[in-house]
Amino acid sequence: MNKKHHHQEFVLPQTALMAHSQATQKMLSHCSERVMKNCMASATVMPELMKKDTITELMQLNSSVFNRLHQQYQESFNGFSALITDYVQIKNANTMTKFVAQQFNLLGQFGQLMQEQTTNLLTLQENIEVDYAYWVNKKVHSK
């Protein structure tokens, strides 16, 4: 008896691809727009850079960013250190099933760490842009 195997193809609907593409484009457009607005406002407040309070405020903004980046580095370092420790301490698996499970567990931990670090860095970037926009617009309107 001859059996024919029917394979179903998985096809991602074009509408899903288009929606994903449009959402990505929209987010990038908003980000670019925010950066451009900040750049234009920055040019407007250039004369303010000679004032002591402006320099002090910019130094405070920079210090906050540096502190957050340092914290991010520490979190990343600790996460990768823990992952390396787990890798070094992995037990010798006595079956292929256990070996594969251990490897995928490590891979999952790595993926989770990368997702968290990337999300935290993007959150920081967005916060910097918003905080800077608030500060620079306050400067523009106080002139």
N, C-alpha and C. Protein backbone atom coordinates (compact mmCIF):
# COMPACT_ATOMS: atom_id res chain seq x y z
N MET A 1 0.84 -1.17 0.00
CA MET A 1 0.00 0.00 0.00
C MET A 1 0.89 1.24 0.00
N ASN A 2 0.66 2.08 -0.93
CA ASN A 2 1.48 3.28 -1.10
C ASN A 2 0.80 4.45 -0.40
N LYS A 3 1.50 4.95 0.59
CA LYS A 3 0.95 6.11 1.31
C LYS A 3 1.63 7.38 0.82
N LYS A 4 0.83 8.35 0.57
CA LYS A 4 1.38 9.65 0.19
C LYS A 4 1.34 10.56 1.41
N HIS A 5 2.43 11.21 1.64
CA HIS A 5 2.50 12.15 2.76
C HIS A 5 2.21 13.55 2.23
N HIS A 6 1.29 14.16 2.87
CA HIS A 6 0.94 15.53 2.50
C HIS A 6 1.59 16.46 3.51
N HIS A 7 2.39 17.33 3.00
CA HIS A 7 3.04 18.31 3.85
C HIS A 7 2.31 19.64 3.72
N GLN A 8 1.94 20.16 4.85
CA GLN A 8 1.32 21.47 4.83
C GLN A 8 2.42 22.51 4.89
N GLU A 9 2.30 23.49 4.07
CA GLU A 9 3.26 24.59 4.11
C GLU A 9 2.74 25.64 5.07
N PHE A 10 3.66 26.18 5.81
CA PHE A 10 3.30 27.28 6.69
C PHE A 10 3.63 28.57 5.96
N VAL A 11 2.63 29.33 5.70
CA VAL A 11 2.82 30.59 5.00
C VAL A 11 2.31 31.70 5.90
N LEU A 12 3.19 32.62 6.18
CA LEU A 12 2.81 33.77 6.99
C LEU A 12 1.94 34.67 6.13
N PRO A 13 0.76 34.98 6.60
CA PRO A 13 -0.12 35.83 5.79
C PRO A 13 0.54 37.17 5.46
N GLN A 14 0.35 37.57 4.22
CA GLN A 14 0.95 38.82 3.77
C GLN A 14 0.46 40.00 4.60
N THR A 15 -0.77 39.94 5.06
CA THR A 15 -1.29 41.05 5.86
C THR A 15 -0.52 41.17 7.18
N ALA A 16 -0.10 40.04 7.75
CA ALA A 16 0.68 40.08 8.99
C ALA A 16 2.05 40.69 8.72
N LEU A 17 2.65 40.31 7.62
CA LEU A 17 3.96 40.88 7.25
C LEU A 17 3.85 42.38 7.02
N MET A 18 2.79 42.78 6.33
CA MET A 18 2.59 44.20 6.04
C MET A 18 2.33 44.98 7.33
N ALA A 19 1.52 44.43 8.21
CA ALA A 19 1.23 45.11 9.48
C ALA A 19 2.49 45.26 10.32
N HIS A 20 3.30 44.22 10.35
CA HIS A 20 4.56 44.27 11.10
C HIS A 20 5.49 45.33 10.51
N SER A 21 5.60 45.34 9.21
CA SER A 21 6.44 46.30 8.52
C SER A 21 5.97 47.73 8.78
N GLN A 22 4.67 47.95 8.72
CA GLN A 22 4.12 49.28 8.95
C GLN A 22 4.33 49.73 10.39
N ALA A 23 4.17 48.83 11.34
CA ALA A 23 4.38 49.17 12.75
C ALA A 23 5.84 49.54 12.99
N THR A 24 6.75 48.79 12.40
CA THR A 24 8.18 49.08 12.54
C THR A 24 8.50 50.44 11.92
N GLN A 25 7.99 50.67 10.73
CA GLN A 25 8.22 51.95 10.06
C GLN A 25 7.66 53.11 10.88
N LYS A 26 6.51 52.93 11.47
CA LYS A 26 5.89 53.98 12.29
C LYS A 26 6.75 54.30 13.52
N MET A 27 7.26 53.26 14.19
CA MET A 27 8.11 53.48 15.37
C MET A 27 9.40 54.19 14.98
N LEU A 28 10.02 53.76 13.89
CA LEU A 28 11.26 54.41 13.45
C LEU A 28 11.00 55.85 13.03
N SER A 29 9.87 56.10 12.42
CA SER A 29 9.51 57.45 12.03
C SER A 29 9.34 58.36 13.24
N HIS A 30 8.66 57.85 14.29
CA HIS A 30 8.48 58.64 15.52
C HIS A 30 9.83 58.93 16.17
N CYS A 31 10.69 57.95 16.18
CA CYS A 31 12.02 58.12 16.78
C CYS A 31 12.81 59.18 16.00
N SER A 32 12.80 59.08 14.69
CA SER A 32 13.51 60.05 13.85
C SER A 32 12.95 61.45 14.02
N GLU A 33 11.65 61.53 14.10
CA GLU A 33 11.00 62.84 14.29
C GLU A 33 11.41 63.47 15.62
N ARG A 34 11.45 62.66 16.68
CA ARG A 34 11.85 63.15 18.00
C ARG A 34 13.30 63.64 17.97
N VAL A 35 14.17 62.90 17.32
CA VAL A 35 15.57 63.29 17.22
C VAL A 35 15.71 64.59 16.43
N MET A 36 14.99 64.71 15.33
CA MET A 36 15.06 65.93 14.52
C MET A 36 14.55 67.15 15.29
N LYS A 37 13.46 66.98 16.03
CA LYS A 37 12.94 68.08 16.83
C LYS A 37 13.96 68.50 17.89
N ASN A 38 14.60 67.52 18.51
CA ASN A 38 15.63 67.83 19.51
C ASN A 38 16.80 68.56 18.88
N CYS A 39 17.20 68.15 17.69
CA CYS A 39 18.31 68.82 17.00
C CYS A 39 17.97 70.27 16.67
N MET A 40 16.76 70.49 16.16
CA MET A 40 16.36 71.86 15.81
C MET A 40 16.26 72.72 17.07
N ALA A 41 15.71 72.18 18.13
CA ALA A 41 15.62 72.95 19.37
C ALA A 41 17.01 73.21 19.94
N SER A 42 17.92 72.26 19.79
CA SER A 42 19.29 72.43 20.28
C SER A 42 19.97 73.60 19.57
N ALA A 43 19.76 73.70 18.28
CA ALA A 43 20.35 74.81 17.52
C ALA A 43 19.83 76.14 18.03
N THR A 44 18.59 76.17 18.43
CA THR A 44 17.97 77.41 18.94
C THR A 44 18.59 77.85 20.25
N VAL A 45 18.99 76.91 21.08
CA VAL A 45 19.51 77.28 22.40
C VAL A 45 21.04 77.36 22.45
N MET A 46 21.70 77.31 21.30
CA MET A 46 23.17 77.38 21.29
C MET A 46 23.71 78.59 22.06
N PRO A 47 23.12 79.78 21.91
CA PRO A 47 23.65 80.92 22.68
C PRO A 47 23.56 80.71 24.20
N GLU A 48 22.62 79.89 24.64
CA GLU A 48 22.45 79.62 26.06
C GLU A 48 23.61 78.81 26.64
N LEU A 49 24.39 78.18 25.78
CA LEU A 49 25.49 77.33 26.24
C LEU A 49 26.59 78.12 26.95
N MET A 50 26.58 79.41 26.79
CA MET A 50 27.57 80.24 27.47
C MET A 50 27.16 80.56 28.90
N LYS A 51 25.95 80.21 29.26
CA LYS A 51 25.46 80.51 30.61
C LYS A 51 25.79 79.36 31.56
N LYS A 52 26.19 79.73 32.77
CA LYS A 52 26.61 78.74 33.75
C LYS A 52 25.49 77.75 34.10
N ASP A 53 24.27 78.25 34.27
CA ASP A 53 23.17 77.34 34.65
C ASP A 53 22.88 76.33 33.56
N THR A 54 23.02 76.73 32.30
CA THR A 54 22.79 75.80 31.19
C THR A 54 23.85 74.70 31.19
N ILE A 55 25.08 75.08 31.39
CA ILE A 55 26.17 74.10 31.43
C ILE A 55 25.97 73.15 32.61
N THR A 56 25.58 73.69 33.75
CA THR A 56 25.34 72.87 34.93
C THR A 56 24.21 71.87 34.69
N GLU A 57 23.13 72.33 34.08
CA GLU A 57 22.00 71.44 33.78
C GLU A 57 22.39 70.34 32.80
N LEU A 58 23.17 70.70 31.78
CA LEU A 58 23.63 69.70 30.82
C LEU A 58 24.55 68.68 31.49
N MET A 59 25.40 69.15 32.40
CA MET A 59 26.29 68.25 33.12
C MET A 59 25.47 67.29 33.98
N GLN A 60 24.38 67.78 34.59
CA GLN A 60 23.51 66.92 35.39
C GLN A 60 22.83 65.86 34.53
N LEU A 61 22.37 66.27 33.35
CA LEU A 61 21.77 65.32 32.41
C LEU A 61 22.79 64.24 32.01
N ASN A 62 23.99 64.69 31.67
CA ASN A 62 25.04 63.74 31.29
C ASN A 62 25.40 62.81 32.43
N SER A 63 25.44 63.33 33.63
CA SER A 63 25.77 62.51 34.80
C SER A 63 24.70 61.44 35.02
N SER A 64 23.46 61.82 34.85
CA SER A 64 22.36 60.85 35.00
C SER A 64 22.47 59.74 33.96
N VAL A 65 22.79 60.11 32.74
CA VAL A 65 22.94 59.13 31.67
C VAL A 65 24.13 58.20 31.99
N PHE A 66 25.24 58.79 32.40
CA PHE A 66 26.41 57.98 32.74
C PHE A 66 26.08 57.00 33.86
N ASN A 67 25.40 57.47 34.90
CA ASN A 67 25.05 56.59 36.02
C ASN A 67 24.16 55.43 35.57
N ARG A 68 23.20 55.73 34.71
CA ARG A 68 22.30 54.68 34.23
C ARG A 68 23.04 53.69 33.33
N LEU A 69 23.95 54.20 32.50
CA LEU A 69 24.74 53.31 31.65
C LEU A 69 25.65 52.41 32.48
N HIS A 70 26.21 52.99 33.54
CA HIS A 70 27.06 52.20 34.44
C HIS A 70 26.23 51.09 35.11
N GLN A 71 25.03 51.44 35.55
CA GLN A 71 24.14 50.45 36.15
C GLN A 71 23.80 49.36 35.13
N GLN A 72 23.53 49.77 33.90
CA GLN A 72 23.22 48.83 32.83
C GLN A 72 24.41 47.89 32.59
N TYR A 73 25.61 48.44 32.58
CA TYR A 73 26.82 47.63 32.41
C TYR A 73 26.92 46.60 33.53
N GLN A 74 26.70 47.04 34.75
CA GLN A 74 26.80 46.13 35.91
C GLN A 74 25.78 44.99 35.79
N GLU A 75 24.55 45.34 35.42
CA GLU A 75 23.51 44.32 35.26
C GLU A 75 23.88 43.34 34.15
N SER A 76 24.40 43.85 33.06
CA SER A 76 24.81 43.01 31.95
C SER A 76 25.97 42.11 32.35
N PHE A 77 26.96 42.68 33.00
CA PHE A 77 28.12 41.91 33.46
C PHE A 77 27.69 40.81 34.41
N ASN A 78 26.83 41.15 35.36
CA ASN A 78 26.35 40.14 36.32
C ASN A 78 25.57 39.03 35.63
N GLY A 79 24.74 39.40 34.67
CA GLY A 79 23.95 38.42 33.94
C GLY A 79 24.82 37.47 33.13
N PHE A 80 25.79 38.04 32.41
CA PHE A 80 26.67 37.19 31.62
C PHE A 80 27.58 36.34 32.50
N SER A 81 28.01 36.89 33.62
CA SER A 81 28.83 36.12 34.56
C SER A 81 28.05 34.92 35.08
N ALA A 82 26.80 35.13 35.44
CA ALA A 82 25.96 34.02 35.92
C ALA A 82 25.76 32.97 34.83
N LEU A 83 25.58 33.43 33.61
CA LEU A 83 25.40 32.51 32.49
C LEU A 83 26.66 31.68 32.25
N ILE A 84 27.80 32.33 32.31
CA ILE A 84 29.07 31.60 32.14
C ILE A 84 29.27 30.60 33.27
N THR A 85 28.94 31.01 34.48
CA THR A 85 29.04 30.09 35.63
C THR A 85 28.14 28.88 35.41
N ASP A 86 26.91 29.11 34.96
CA ASP A 86 26.00 28.00 34.67
C ASP A 86 26.58 27.08 33.59
N TYR A 87 27.18 27.69 32.57
CA TYR A 87 27.76 26.90 31.48
C TYR A 87 28.91 26.03 31.98
N VAL A 88 29.78 26.63 32.78
CA VAL A 88 30.94 25.90 33.29
C VAL A 88 30.50 24.77 34.22
N GLN A 89 29.44 25.01 34.98
CA GLN A 89 28.99 24.03 35.97
C GLN A 89 28.00 23.02 35.41
N ILE A 90 27.75 23.10 34.11
CA ILE A 90 26.77 22.18 33.54
C ILE A 90 27.24 20.73 33.77
N LYS A 91 26.31 19.95 34.15
CA LYS A 91 26.63 18.55 34.46
C LYS A 91 26.78 17.76 33.17
N ASN A 92 27.62 16.78 33.23
CA ASN A 92 27.74 15.90 32.08
C ASN A 92 26.46 15.10 31.94
N ALA A 93 25.82 15.32 30.85
CA ALA A 93 24.56 14.62 30.60
C ALA A 93 24.87 13.19 30.17
N ASN A 94 24.06 12.27 30.65
CA ASN A 94 24.29 10.88 30.29
C ASN A 94 23.36 10.41 29.16
N THR A 95 22.50 11.32 28.71
CA THR A 95 21.66 11.00 27.55
C THR A 95 21.60 12.22 26.65
N MET A 96 21.30 11.98 25.41
CA MET A 96 21.17 13.06 24.45
C MET A 96 20.02 13.98 24.84
N THR A 97 18.96 13.42 25.38
CA THR A 97 17.80 14.22 25.80
C THR A 97 18.22 15.23 26.86
N LYS A 98 18.94 14.77 27.87
CA LYS A 98 19.37 15.68 28.94
C LYS A 98 20.36 16.71 28.41
N PHE A 99 21.26 16.28 27.53
CA PHE A 99 22.24 17.19 26.96
C PHE A 99 21.56 18.32 26.19
N VAL A 100 20.61 17.95 25.33
CA VAL A 100 19.89 18.95 24.54
C VAL A 100 19.08 19.87 25.45
N ALA A 101 18.45 19.31 26.46
CA ALA A 101 17.66 20.13 27.40
C ALA A 101 18.55 21.15 28.10
N GLN A 102 19.73 20.74 28.54
CA GLN A 102 20.65 21.66 29.21
C GLN A 102 21.11 22.76 28.26
N GLN A 103 21.43 22.38 27.04
CA GLN A 103 21.90 23.37 26.06
C GLN A 103 20.81 24.39 25.73
N PHE A 104 19.58 23.90 25.54
CA PHE A 104 18.49 24.83 25.24
C PHE A 104 18.13 25.70 26.45
N ASN A 105 18.31 25.17 27.64
CA ASN A 105 18.10 25.97 28.84
C ASN A 105 19.07 27.14 28.86
N LEU A 106 20.34 26.86 28.58
CA LEU A 106 21.34 27.93 28.53
C LEU A 106 21.03 28.93 27.41
N LEU A 107 20.62 28.41 26.27
CA LEU A 107 20.27 29.28 25.15
C LEU A 107 19.08 30.17 25.51
N GLY A 108 18.11 29.60 26.20
CA GLY A 108 16.96 30.39 26.65
C GLY A 108 17.36 31.47 27.63
N GLN A 109 18.27 31.13 28.56
CA GLN A 109 18.76 32.13 29.52
C GLN A 109 19.48 33.26 28.78
N PHE A 110 20.28 32.89 27.78
CA PHE A 110 21.00 33.89 27.00
C PHE A 110 20.02 34.80 26.26
N GLY A 111 19.02 34.21 25.64
CA GLY A 111 18.00 34.99 24.94
C GLY A 111 17.27 35.94 25.87
N GLN A 112 16.92 35.47 27.05
CA GLN A 112 16.24 36.31 28.04
C GLN A 112 17.13 37.47 28.47
N LEU A 113 18.40 37.18 28.69
CA LEU A 113 19.34 38.23 29.09
C LEU A 113 19.49 39.28 27.99
N MET A 114 19.61 38.82 26.74
CA MET A 114 19.74 39.76 25.63
C MET A 114 18.48 40.61 25.47
N GLN A 115 17.32 39.99 25.64
CA GLN A 115 16.06 40.73 25.53
C GLN A 115 15.98 41.80 26.61
N GLU A 116 16.32 41.44 27.83
CA GLU A 116 16.28 42.40 28.94
C GLU A 116 17.26 43.54 28.73
N GLN A 117 18.49 43.22 28.33
CA GLN A 117 19.50 44.26 28.14
C GLN A 117 19.13 45.19 26.99
N THR A 118 18.65 44.62 25.90
CA THR A 118 18.25 45.44 24.75
C THR A 118 17.07 46.34 25.11
N THR A 119 16.09 45.78 25.79
CA THR A 119 14.94 46.57 26.22
C THR A 119 15.36 47.69 27.16
N ASN A 120 16.24 47.39 28.09
CA ASN A 120 16.71 48.42 29.03
C ASN A 120 17.47 49.53 28.32
N LEU A 121 18.31 49.17 27.35
CA LEU A 121 19.05 50.19 26.61
C LEU A 121 18.13 51.06 25.76
N LEU A 122 17.15 50.44 25.12
CA LEU A 122 16.20 51.22 24.32
C LEU A 122 15.33 52.11 25.20
N THR A 123 14.96 51.61 26.37
CA THR A 123 14.20 52.43 27.32
C THR A 123 15.03 53.63 27.75
N LEU A 124 16.30 53.39 28.02
CA LEU A 124 17.18 54.50 28.40
C LEU A 124 17.28 55.51 27.27
N GLN A 125 17.47 55.03 26.06
CA GLN A 125 17.56 55.94 24.91
C GLN A 125 16.30 56.79 24.79
N GLU A 126 15.14 56.16 24.89
CA GLU A 126 13.89 56.91 24.78
C GLU A 126 13.74 57.91 25.92
N ASN A 127 14.12 57.50 27.14
CA ASN A 127 14.04 58.42 28.27
C ASN A 127 14.97 59.62 28.09
N ILE A 128 16.15 59.37 27.56
CA ILE A 128 17.09 60.47 27.30
C ILE A 128 16.48 61.44 26.30
N GLU A 129 15.93 60.91 25.22
CA GLU A 129 15.33 61.77 24.19
C GLU A 129 14.18 62.59 24.76
N VAL A 130 13.33 61.97 25.55
CA VAL A 130 12.18 62.68 26.12
C VAL A 130 12.64 63.71 27.15
N ASP A 131 13.55 63.31 28.03
CA ASP A 131 14.06 64.24 29.05
C ASP A 131 14.79 65.42 28.41
N TYR A 132 15.59 65.12 27.40
CA TYR A 132 16.31 66.20 26.72
C TYR A 132 15.33 67.13 26.01
N ALA A 133 14.31 66.56 25.37
CA ALA A 133 13.31 67.38 24.68
C ALA A 133 12.61 68.30 25.67
N TYR A 134 12.27 67.76 26.83
CA TYR A 134 11.63 68.58 27.86
C TYR A 134 12.56 69.72 28.28
N TRP A 135 13.81 69.39 28.54
CA TRP A 135 14.77 70.39 28.99
C TRP A 135 15.02 71.45 27.92
N VAL A 136 15.29 71.01 26.68
CA VAL A 136 15.62 71.98 25.63
C VAL A 136 14.42 72.85 25.28
N ASN A 137 13.20 72.29 25.31
CA ASN A 137 12.01 73.10 25.04
C ASN A 137 11.76 74.12 26.14
N LYS A 138 12.08 73.72 27.37
CA LYS A 138 11.98 74.67 28.48
C LYS A 138 12.95 75.83 28.26
N LYS A 139 14.14 75.52 27.79
CA LYS A 139 15.14 76.56 27.49
C LYS A 139 14.67 77.47 26.35
N VAL A 140 14.11 76.86 25.32
CA VAL A 140 13.65 77.64 24.15
C VAL A 140 12.55 78.60 24.57
N HIS A 141 11.62 78.14 25.40
CA HIS A 141 10.50 78.98 25.79
C HIS A 141 10.83 79.97 26.90
N SER A 142 11.99 79.82 27.52
CA SER A 142 12.35 80.77 28.58
C SER A 142 13.15 81.95 28.02
N LYS A 143 13.44 81.91 26.74
CA LYS A 143 14.23 82.99 26.13
C LYS A 143 13.41 84.24 25.96
